PDB file of N, CA and C in Angstrom:
ATOM      1  N   MET A   1     123.453  86.900 101.654  1.00  0.00           N
ATOM      2  CA  MET A   1     122.581  87.899 102.238  1.00  0.00           C
ATOM      3  C   MET A   1     123.000  88.083 103.681  1.00  0.00           C
ATOM      4  N   LYS A   2     123.176  89.305 104.080  1.00  0.00           N
ATOM      5  CA  LYS A   2     123.518  89.609 105.456  1.00  0.00           C
ATOM      6  C   LYS A   2     122.220  89.804 106.235  1.00  0.00           C
ATOM      7  N   PRO A   3     122.269  89.676 107.551  1.00  0.00           N
ATOM      8  CA  PRO A   3     121.057  89.918 108.335  1.00  0.00           C
ATOM      9  C   PRO A   3     120.643  91.380 108.238  1.00  0.00           C
ATOM     10  N   PRO A   4     119.411  91.677 108.669  1.00  0.00           N
ATOM     11  CA  PRO A   4     118.968  93.070 108.603  1.00  0.00           C
ATOM     12  C   PRO A   4     119.992  94.010 109.235  1.00  0.00           C
ATOM     13  N   VAL A   5     120.195  95.163 108.613  1.00  0.00           N
ATOM     14  CA  VAL A   5     121.137  96.153 109.135  1.00  0.00           C
ATOM     15  C   VAL A   5     120.484  96.925 110.268  1.00  0.00           C
ATOM     16  N   SER A   6     121.304  97.641 111.010  1.00  0.00           N
ATOM     17  CA  SER A   6     120.793  98.321 112.191  1.00  0.00           C
ATOM     18  C   SER A   6     120.272  99.725 111.913  1.00  0.00           C
ATOM     19  N   ALA A   7     120.180 100.118 110.654  1.00  0.00           N
ATOM     20  CA  ALA A   7     119.602 101.421 110.328  1.00  0.00           C
ATOM     21  C   ALA A   7     118.184 101.486 110.879  1.00  0.00           C
ATOM     22  N   SER A   8     117.662 102.659 111.056  1.00  0.00           N
ATOM     23  CA  SER A   8     116.327 102.805 111.629  1.00  0.00           C
ATOM     24  C   SER A   8     115.327 103.196 110.553  1.00  0.00           C
ATOM     25  N   PRO A   9     114.844 102.214 109.790  1.00  0.00           N
ATOM     26  CA  PRO A   9     113.835 102.519 108.774  1.00  0.00           C
ATOM     27  C   PRO A   9     112.487 102.744 109.432  1.00  0.00           C
ATOM     28  N   PRO A  10     111.516 103.268 108.701  1.00  0.00           N
ATOM     29  CA  PRO A  10     110.167 103.369 109.250  1.00  0.00           C
ATOM     30  C   PRO A  10     109.702 102.000 109.727  1.00  0.00           C
ATOM     31  N   PRO A  11     108.764 101.941 110.681  1.00  0.00           N
ATOM     32  CA  PRO A  11     108.381 100.669 111.280  1.00  0.00           C
ATOM     33  C   PRO A  11     107.859  99.618 110.310  1.00  0.00           C
ATOM     34  N   SER A  12     107.353 100.018 109.149  1.00  0.00           N
ATOM     35  CA  SER A  12     106.823  99.026 108.218  1.00  0.00           C
ATOM     36  C   SER A  12     107.884  98.510 107.245  1.00  0.00           C
ATOM     37  N   LEU A  13     109.132  98.966 107.389  1.00  0.00           N
ATOM     38  CA  LEU A  13     110.198  98.548 106.484  1.00  0.00           C
ATOM     39  C   LEU A  13     111.275  97.779 107.238  1.00  0.00           C
ATOM     40  N   VAL A  14     111.924  96.880 106.528  1.00  0.00           N
ATOM     41  CA  VAL A  14     113.067  96.157 107.054  1.00  0.00           C
ATOM     42  C   VAL A  14     114.234  96.465 106.128  1.00  0.00           C
ATOM     43  N   ALA A  15     115.390  96.760 106.697  1.00  0.00           N
ATOM     44  CA  ALA A  15     116.573  97.092 105.900  1.00  0.00           C
ATOM     45  C   ALA A  15     117.478  95.870 105.793  1.00  0.00           C
ATOM     46  N   TYR A  16     117.928  95.561 104.573  1.00  0.00           N
ATOM     47  CA  TYR A  16     118.860  94.473 104.324  1.00  0.00           C
ATOM     48  C   TYR A  16     120.037  95.017 103.563  1.00  0.00           C
ATOM     49  N   GLU A  17     121.239  94.614 103.983  1.00  0.00           N
ATOM     50  CA  GLU A  17     122.423  94.972 103.213  1.00  0.00           C
ATOM     51  C   GLU A  17     122.690  93.827 102.250  1.00  0.00           C
ATOM     52  N   LEU A  18     122.630  94.130 100.965  1.00  0.00           N
ATOM     53  CA  LEU A  18     122.825  93.119  99.945  1.00  0.00           C
ATOM     54  C   LEU A  18     124.305  92.854  99.744  1.00  0.00           C
ATOM     55  N   GLU A  19     124.615  91.762  99.052  1.00  0.00           N
ATOM     56  CA  GLU A  19     126.008  91.409  98.801  1.00  0.00           C
ATOM     57  C   GLU A  19     126.755  92.523  98.077  1.00  0.00           C
ATOM     58  N   SER A  20     126.039  93.302  97.295  1.00  0.00           N
ATOM     59  CA  SER A  20     126.661  94.399  96.549  1.00  0.00           C
ATOM     60  C   SER A  20     127.003  95.589  97.443  1.00  0.00           C
ATOM     61  N   GLY A  21     126.560  95.536  98.707  1.00  0.00           N
ATOM     62  CA  GLY A  21     126.779  96.649  99.619  1.00  0.00           C
ATOM     63  C   GLY A  21     125.620  97.626  99.654  1.00  0.00           C
ATOM     64  N   THR A  22     124.667  97.464  98.755  1.00  0.00           N
ATOM     65  CA  THR A  22     123.484  98.315  98.707  1.00  0.00           C
ATOM     66  C   THR A  22     122.573  97.959  99.870  1.00  0.00           C
ATOM     67  N   VAL A  23     121.982  98.960 100.494  1.00  0.00           N
ATOM     68  CA  VAL A  23     120.999  98.714 101.540  1.00  0.00           C
ATOM     69  C   VAL A  23     119.625  98.775 100.895  1.00  0.00           C
ATOM     70  N   LEU A  24     118.873  97.707 101.030  1.00  0.00           N
ATOM     71  CA  LEU A  24     117.551  97.594 100.442  1.00  0.00           C
ATOM     72  C   LEU A  24     116.517  97.652 101.549  1.00  0.00           C
ATOM     73  N   PHE A  25     115.584  98.569 101.432  1.00  0.00           N
ATOM     74  CA  PHE A  25     114.491  98.656 102.385  1.00  0.00           C
ATOM     75  C   PHE A  25     113.271  98.021 101.748  1.00  0.00           C
ATOM     76  N   ILE A  26     112.761  96.968 102.356  1.00  0.00           N
ATOM     77  CA  ILE A  26     111.552  96.338 101.838  1.00  0.00           C
ATOM     78  C   ILE A  26     110.502  96.310 102.931  1.00  0.00           C
ATOM     79  N   HIS A  27     109.284  96.179 102.501  1.00  0.00           N
ATOM     80  CA  HIS A  27     108.182  96.158 103.434  1.00  0.00           C
ATOM     81  C   HIS A  27     108.190  94.884 104.247  1.00  0.00           C
ATOM     82  N   ASP A  28     107.994  95.032 105.545  1.00  0.00           N
ATOM     83  CA  ASP A  28     107.820  93.872 106.409  1.00  0.00           C
ATOM     84  C   ASP A  28     106.425  93.354 106.101  1.00  0.00           C
ATOM     85  N   LEU A  29     106.341  92.290 105.322  1.00  0.00           N
ATOM     86  CA  LEU A  29     105.054  91.820 104.823  1.00  0.00           C
ATOM     87  C   LEU A  29     104.119  91.386 105.940  1.00  0.00           C
ATOM     88  N   GLN A  30     104.661  91.112 107.104  1.00  0.00           N
ATOM     89  CA  GLN A  30     103.806  90.755 108.227  1.00  0.00           C
ATOM     90  C   GLN A  30     103.161  91.991 108.847  1.00  0.00           C
ATOM     91  N   ARG A  31     103.649  93.177 108.513  1.00  0.00           N
ATOM     92  CA  ARG A  31     103.112  94.396 109.096  1.00  0.00           C
ATOM     93  C   ARG A  31     102.315  95.219 108.105  1.00  0.00           C
ATOM     94  N   VAL A  32     102.351  94.850 106.845  1.00  0.00           N
ATOM     95  CA  VAL A  32     101.628  95.601 105.823  1.00  0.00           C
ATOM     96  C   VAL A  32     100.278  94.932 105.623  1.00  0.00           C
ATOM     97  N   SER A  33      99.228  95.680 105.806  1.00  0.00           N
ATOM     98  CA  SER A  33      97.896  95.090 105.685  1.00  0.00           C
ATOM     99  C   SER A  33      97.607  94.675 104.249  1.00  0.00           C
ATOM    100  N   ARG A  34      96.680  93.771 104.099  1.00  0.00           N
ATOM    101  CA  ARG A  34      96.189  93.286 102.816  1.00  0.00           C
ATOM    102  C   ARG A  34      97.182  92.417 102.047  1.00  0.00           C
ATOM    103  N   LEU A  35      98.282  92.019 102.663  1.00  0.00           N
ATOM    104  CA  LEU A  35      99.197  91.084 102.025  1.00  0.00           C
ATOM    105  C   LEU A  35      99.301  89.832 102.876  1.00  0.00           C
ATOM    106  N   PRO A  36      99.372  88.662 102.256  1.00  0.00           N
ATOM    107  CA  PRO A  36      99.523  87.430 103.019  1.00  0.00           C
ATOM    108  C   PRO A  36     100.864  87.406 103.747  1.00  0.00           C
ATOM    109  N   VAL A  37     100.919  86.665 104.814  1.00  0.00           N
ATOM    110  CA  VAL A  37     102.148  86.529 105.576  1.00  0.00           C
ATOM    111  C   VAL A  37     103.013  85.456 104.925  1.00  0.00           C
ATOM    112  N   LEU A  38     104.263  85.786 104.711  1.00  0.00           N
ATOM    113  CA  LEU A  38     105.214  84.818 104.177  1.00  0.00           C
ATOM    114  C   LEU A  38     105.904  84.111 105.326  1.00  0.00           C
ATOM    115  N   SER A  39     106.285  82.864 105.096  1.00  0.00           N
ATOM    116  CA  SER A  39     107.071  82.145 106.093  1.00  0.00           C
ATOM    117  C   SER A  39     108.461  82.784 106.167  1.00  0.00           C
ATOM    118  N   ALA A  40     109.205  82.447 107.199  1.00  0.00           N
ATOM    119  CA  ALA A  40     110.566  82.979 107.340  1.00  0.00           C
ATOM    120  C   ALA A  40     111.424  82.571 106.141  1.00  0.00           C
ATOM    121  N   ALA A  41     111.285  81.330 105.698  1.00  0.00           N
ATOM    122  CA  ALA A  41     112.050  80.857 104.540  1.00  0.00           C
ATOM    123  C   ALA A  41     111.663  81.628 103.280  1.00  0.00           C
ATOM    124  N   GLU A  42     110.355  81.850 103.090  1.00  0.00           N
ATOM    125  CA  GLU A  42     109.895  82.605 101.920  1.00  0.00           C
ATOM    126  C   GLU A  42     110.401  84.040 101.966  1.00  0.00           C
ATOM    127  N   HIS A  43     110.452  84.615 103.138  1.00  0.00           N
ATOM    128  CA  HIS A  43     110.956  85.981 103.276  1.00  0.00           C
ATOM    129  C   HIS A  43     112.428  86.036 102.881  1.00  0.00           C
ATOM    130  N   ASP A  44     113.214  85.044 103.328  1.00  0.00           N
ATOM    131  CA  ASP A  44     114.623  84.987 102.941  1.00  0.00           C
ATOM    132  C   ASP A  44     114.771  84.867 101.425  1.00  0.00           C
ATOM    133  N   VAL A  45     113.948  84.011 100.823  1.00  0.00           N
ATOM    134  CA  VAL A  45     113.977  83.836  99.369  1.00  0.00           C
ATOM    135  C   VAL A  45     113.595  85.149  98.683  1.00  0.00           C
ATOM    136  N   LEU A  46     112.597  85.829  99.207  1.00  0.00           N
ATOM    137  CA  LEU A  46     112.168  87.106  98.639  1.00  0.00           C
ATOM    138  C   LEU A  46     113.315  88.105  98.601  1.00  0.00           C
ATOM    139  N   VAL A  47     114.052  88.219  99.693  1.00  0.00           N
ATOM    140  CA  VAL A  47     115.168  89.163  99.739  1.00  0.00           C
ATOM    141  C   VAL A  47     116.210  88.812  98.681  1.00  0.00           C
ATOM    142  N   LEU A  48     116.512  87.523  98.542  1.00  0.00           N
ATOM    143  CA  LEU A  48     117.479  87.106  97.535  1.00  0.00           C
ATOM    144  C   LEU A  48     116.958  87.344  96.122  1.00  0.00           C
ATOM    145  N   LEU A  49     115.661  87.133  95.905  1.00  0.00           N
ATOM    146  CA  LEU A  49     115.058  87.445  94.608  1.00  0.00           C
ATOM    147  C   LEU A  49     115.232  88.923  94.283  1.00  0.00           C
ATOM    148  N   LEU A  50     114.960  89.769  95.269  1.00  0.00           N
ATOM    149  CA  LEU A  50     115.075  91.211  95.055  1.00  0.00           C
ATOM    150  C   LEU A  50     116.523  91.641  94.842  1.00  0.00           C
ATOM    151  N   ASP A  51     117.462  90.805  95.298  1.00  0.00           N
ATOM    152  CA  ASP A  51     118.885  91.083  95.094  1.00  0.00           C
ATOM    153  C   ASP A  51     119.349  90.582  93.725  1.00  0.00           C
ATOM    154  N   GLY A  52     118.427  89.967  92.968  1.00  0.00           N
ATOM    155  CA  GLY A  52     118.747  89.562  91.609  1.00  0.00           C
ATOM    156  C   GLY A  52     119.235  88.140  91.449  1.00  0.00           C
ATOM    157  N   HIS A  53     119.188  87.346  92.507  1.00  0.00           N
ATOM    158  CA  HIS A  53     119.651  85.960  92.416  1.00  0.00           C
ATOM    159  C   HIS A  53     118.668  85.102  91.622  1.00  0.00           C
ATOM    160  N   ASP A  54     119.202  84.155  90.871  1.00  0.00           N
ATOM    161  CA  ASP A  54     118.355  83.183  90.195  1.00  0.00           C
ATOM    162  C   ASP A  54     118.096  82.016  91.154  1.00  0.00           C
ATOM    163  N   THR A  55     117.314  81.053  90.700  1.00  0.00           N
ATOM    164  CA  THR A  55     116.933  79.938  91.561  1.00  0.00           C
ATOM    165  C   THR A  55     118.161  79.198  92.082  1.00  0.00           C
ATOM    166  N   ARG A  56     119.111  78.920  91.217  1.00  0.00           N
ATOM    167  CA  ARG A  56     120.334  78.210  91.631  1.00  0.00           C
ATOM    168  C   ARG A  56     121.106  79.022  92.664  1.00  0.00           C
ATOM    169  N   GLY A  57     121.238  80.319  92.439  1.00  0.00           N
ATOM    170  CA  GLY A  57     121.952  81.174  93.384  1.00  0.00           C
ATOM    171  C   GLY A  57     121.280  81.220  94.744  1.00  0.00           C
ATOM    172  N   ILE A  58     119.957  81.251  94.738  1.00  0.00           N
ATOM    173  CA  ILE A  58     119.209  81.267  96.004  1.00  0.00           C
ATOM    174  C   ILE A  58     119.402  79.940  96.731  1.00  0.00           C
ATOM    175  N   SER A  59     119.301  78.836  95.999  1.00  0.00           N
ATOM    176  CA  SER A  59     119.449  77.533  96.648  1.00  0.00           C
ATOM    177  C   SER A  59     120.872  77.360  97.185  1.00  0.00           C
ATOM    178  N   ASP A  60     121.862  77.834  96.461  1.00  0.00           N
ATOM    179  CA  ASP A  60     123.243  77.762  96.952  1.00  0.00           C
ATOM    180  C   ASP A  60     123.425  78.614  98.208  1.00  0.00           C
ATOM    181  N   ALA A  61     122.883  79.820  98.194  1.00  0.00           N
ATOM    182  CA  ALA A  61     123.019  80.728  99.333  1.00  0.00           C
ATOM    183  C   ALA A  61     122.321  80.195 100.583  1.00  0.00           C
ATOM    184  N   ARG A  62     121.222  79.483 100.372  1.00  0.00           N
ATOM    185  CA  ARG A  62     120.431  78.997 101.502  1.00  0.00           C
ATOM    186  C   ARG A  62     120.724  77.549 101.872  1.00  0.00           C
ATOM    187  N   GLY A  63     121.496  76.866 101.044  1.00  0.00           N
ATOM    188  CA  GLY A  63     121.803  75.470 101.329  1.00  0.00           C
ATOM    189  C   GLY A  63     120.619  74.540 101.126  1.00  0.00           C
ATOM    190  N   THR A  64     119.750  74.897 100.186  1.00  0.00           N
ATOM    191  CA  THR A  64     118.586  74.071  99.878  1.00  0.00           C
ATOM    192  C   THR A  64     118.686  73.594  98.432  1.00  0.00           C
ATOM    193  N   SER A  65     117.832  72.663  98.080  1.00  0.00           N
ATOM    194  CA  SER A  65     117.843  72.176  96.701  1.00  0.00           C
ATOM    195  C   SER A  65     117.165  73.206  95.787  1.00  0.00           C
ATOM    196  N   PRO A  66     117.535  73.203  94.508  1.00  0.00           N
ATOM    197  CA  PRO A  66     116.856  74.092  93.565  1.00  0.00           C
ATOM    198  C   PRO A  66     115.348  73.827  93.517  1.00  0.00           C
ATOM    199  N   ARG A  67     114.955  72.575  93.704  1.00  0.00           N
ATOM    200  CA  ARG A  67     113.522  72.233  93.689  1.00  0.00           C
ATOM    201  C   ARG A  67     112.789  72.900  94.856  1.00  0.00           C
ATOM    202  N   THR A  68     113.393  72.851  96.039  1.00  0.00           N
ATOM    203  CA  THR A  68     112.801  73.516  97.207  1.00  0.00           C
ATOM    204  C   THR A  68     112.679  75.007  96.956  1.00  0.00           C
ATOM    205  N   THR A  69     113.737  75.594  96.410  1.00  0.00           N
ATOM    206  CA  THR A  69     113.723  77.028  96.117  1.00  0.00           C
ATOM    207  C   THR A  69     112.644  77.364  95.102  1.00  0.00           C
ATOM    208  N   ALA A  70     112.542  76.570  94.056  1.00  0.00           N
ATOM    209  CA  ALA A  70     111.516  76.814  93.030  1.00  0.00           C
ATOM    210  C   ALA A  70     110.116  76.729  93.642  1.00  0.00           C
ATOM    211  N   ASN A  71     109.915  75.784  94.539  1.00  0.00           N
ATOM    212  CA  ASN A  71     108.616  75.668  95.213  1.00  0.00           C
ATOM    213  C   ASN A  71     108.338  76.891  96.082  1.00  0.00           C
ATOM    214  N   GLN A  72     109.367  77.397  96.765  1.00  0.00           N
ATOM    215  CA  GLN A  72     109.186  78.585  97.600  1.00  0.00           C
ATOM    216  C   GLN A  72     108.901  79.818  96.750  1.00  0.00           C
ATOM    217  N   VAL A  73     109.576  79.930  95.611  1.00  0.00           N
ATOM    218  CA  VAL A  73     109.316  81.053  94.702  1.00  0.00           C
ATOM    219  C   VAL A  73     107.875  80.977  94.205  1.00  0.00           C
ATOM    220  N   ALA A  74     107.439  79.785  93.819  1.00  0.00           N
ATOM    221  CA  ALA A  74     106.062  79.615  93.344  1.00  0.00           C
ATOM    222  C   ALA A  74     105.061  79.972  94.438  1.00  0.00           C
ATOM    223  N   SER A  75     105.359  79.603  95.676  1.00  0.00           N
ATOM    224  CA  SER A  75     104.471  79.923  96.794  1.00  0.00           C
ATOM    225  C   SER A  75     104.400  81.438  97.021  1.00  0.00           C
ATOM    226  N   ILE A  76     105.533  82.100  96.920  1.00  0.00           N
ATOM    227  CA  ILE A  76     105.571  83.570  97.063  1.00  0.00           C
ATOM    228  C   ILE A  76     104.734  84.209  95.966  1.00  0.00           C
ATOM    229  N   PHE A  77     104.937  83.761  94.731  1.00  0.00           N
ATOM    230  CA  PHE A  77     104.169  84.305  93.611  1.00  0.00           C
ATOM    231  C   PHE A  77     102.666  84.135  93.856  1.00  0.00           C
ATOM    232  N   LYS A  78     102.277  82.948  94.291  1.00  0.00           N
ATOM    233  CA  LYS A  78     100.854  82.664  94.518  1.00  0.00           C
ATOM    234  C   LYS A  78     100.298  83.536  95.642  1.00  0.00           C
ATOM    235  N   LYS A  79     101.013  83.609  96.756  1.00  0.00           N
ATOM    236  CA  LYS A  79     100.544  84.399  97.898  1.00  0.00           C
ATOM    237  C   LYS A  79     100.402  85.878  97.552  1.00  0.00           C
ATOM    238  N   LEU A  80     101.317  86.369  96.733  1.00  0.00           N
ATOM    239  CA  LEU A  80     101.309  87.797  96.408  1.00  0.00           C
ATOM    240  C   LEU A  80     100.591  88.104  95.102  1.00  0.00           C
ATOM    241  N   GLY A  81     100.122  87.074  94.419  1.00  0.00           N
ATOM    242  CA  GLY A  81      99.340  87.277  93.208  1.00  0.00           C
ATOM    243  C   GLY A  81     100.121  87.872  92.059  1.00  0.00           C
ATOM    244  N   VAL A  82     101.353  87.402  91.876  1.00  0.00           N
ATOM    245  CA  VAL A  82     102.187  87.906  90.790  1.00  0.00           C
ATOM    246  C   VAL A  82     102.603  86.750  89.884  1.00  0.00           C
ATOM    247  N   GLY A  83     103.061  87.084  88.675  1.00  0.00           N
ATOM    248  CA  GLY A  83     103.441  86.064  87.720  1.00  0.00           C
ATOM    249  C   GLY A  83     104.877  86.135  87.251  1.00  0.00           C
ATOM    250  N   SER A  84     105.629  87.129  87.740  1.00  0.00           N
ATOM    251  CA  SER A  84     107.022  87.254  87.320  1.00  0.00           C
ATOM    252  C   SER A  84     107.838  87.912  88.428  1.00  0.00           C
ATOM    253  N   ARG A  85     109.135  87.789  88.309  1.00  0.00           N
ATOM    254  CA  ARG A  85     110.023  88.415  89.301  1.00  0.00           C
ATOM    255  C   ARG A  85     109.937  89.938  89.239  1.00  0.00           C
ATOM    256  N   ALA A  86     109.773  90.473  88.045  1.00  0.00           N
ATOM    257  CA  ALA A  86     109.640  91.927  87.910  1.00  0.00           C
ATOM    258  C   ALA A  86     108.353  92.409  88.581  1.00  0.00           C
ATOM    259  N   GLU A  87     107.276  91.684  88.346  1.00  0.00           N
ATOM    260  CA  GLU A  87     106.001  92.043  88.972  1.00  0.00           C
ATOM    261  C   GLU A  87     106.088  91.913  90.492  1.00  0.00           C
ATOM    262  N   LEU A  88     106.809  90.892  90.952  1.00  0.00           N
ATOM    263  CA  LEU A  88     107.009  90.701  92.386  1.00  0.00           C
ATOM    264  C   LEU A  88     107.730  91.905  92.990  1.00  0.00           C
ATOM    265  N   ALA A  89     108.834  92.311  92.359  1.00  0.00           N
ATOM    266  CA  ALA A  89     109.599  93.455  92.865  1.00  0.00           C
ATOM    267  C   ALA A  89     108.742  94.706  92.898  1.00  0.00           C
ATOM    268  N   ALA A  90     107.992  94.939  91.834  1.00  0.00           N
ATOM    269  CA  ALA A  90     107.142  96.126  91.788  1.00  0.00           C
ATOM    270  C   ALA A  90     106.109  96.100  92.909  1.00  0.00           C
ATOM    271  N   LYS A  91     105.519  94.947  93.154  1.00  0.00           N
ATOM    272  CA  LYS A  91     104.485  94.850  94.187  1.00  0.00           C
ATOM    273  C   LYS A  91     105.071  95.048  95.578  1.00  0.00           C
ATOM    274  N   VAL A  92     106.164  94.382  95.858  1.00  0.00           N
ATOM    275  CA  VAL A  92     106.767  94.463  97.200  1.00  0.00           C
ATOM    276  C   VAL A  92     107.311  95.850  97.466  1.00  0.00           C
ATOM    277  N   LEU A  93     107.935  96.447  96.476  1.00  0.00           N
ATOM    278  CA  LEU A  93     108.572  97.744  96.700  1.00  0.00           C
ATOM    279  C   LEU A  93     107.600  98.910  96.638  1.00  0.00           C
ATOM    280  N   THR A  94     106.359  98.666  96.223  1.00  0.00           N
ATOM    281  CA  THR A  94     105.371  99.743  96.184  1.00  0.00           C
ATOM    282  C   THR A  94     104.147  99.457  97.049  1.00  0.00           C
ATOM    283  N   THR A  95     104.227  98.460  97.897  1.00  0.00           N
ATOM    284  CA  THR A  95     103.086  98.079  98.717  1.00  0.00           C
ATOM    285  C   THR A  95     102.592  99.195  99.612  1.00  0.00           C
ATOM    286  N   HIS A  96     103.478 100.061 100.043  1.00  0.00           N
ATOM    287  CA  HIS A  96     103.061 101.120 100.962  1.00  0.00           C
ATOM    288  C   HIS A  96     102.095 102.105 100.319  1.00  0.00           C
ATOM    289  N   ARG A  97     102.056 102.158  98.990  1.00  0.00           N
ATOM    290  CA  ARG A  97     101.118 103.065  98.319  1.00  0.00           C
ATOM    291  C   ARG A  97      99.760 102.401  98.271  1.00  0.00           C
ATOM    292  N   ARG A  98      98.763 103.072  98.786  1.00  0.00           N
ATOM    293  CA  ARG A  98      97.422 102.472  98.839  1.00  0.00           C
ATOM    294  C   ARG A  98      96.520 103.087  97.832  1.00  0.00           C
TER     295      ARG A  98
END
């Protein structure tokens, strides 16, 4: 995962250039009302989840154990009230709709 790109998205979005070269705009969860704040580590995991990485891929990319990654994924799911990666993507990518 590369750091946020310098494109100028709307203030509630953060742009990430994925390994595939695709630029992904996701909601800055700290700026979107009615959503819990994720830790910096959870936010990094979220971006990798949205890029399609599995638990092993995320742990390899971040240099953490698969167990730590699984715990962070579970924490993200709990904070955002979702039960699957697909549901997570749908919620994060459509949060701006009220």
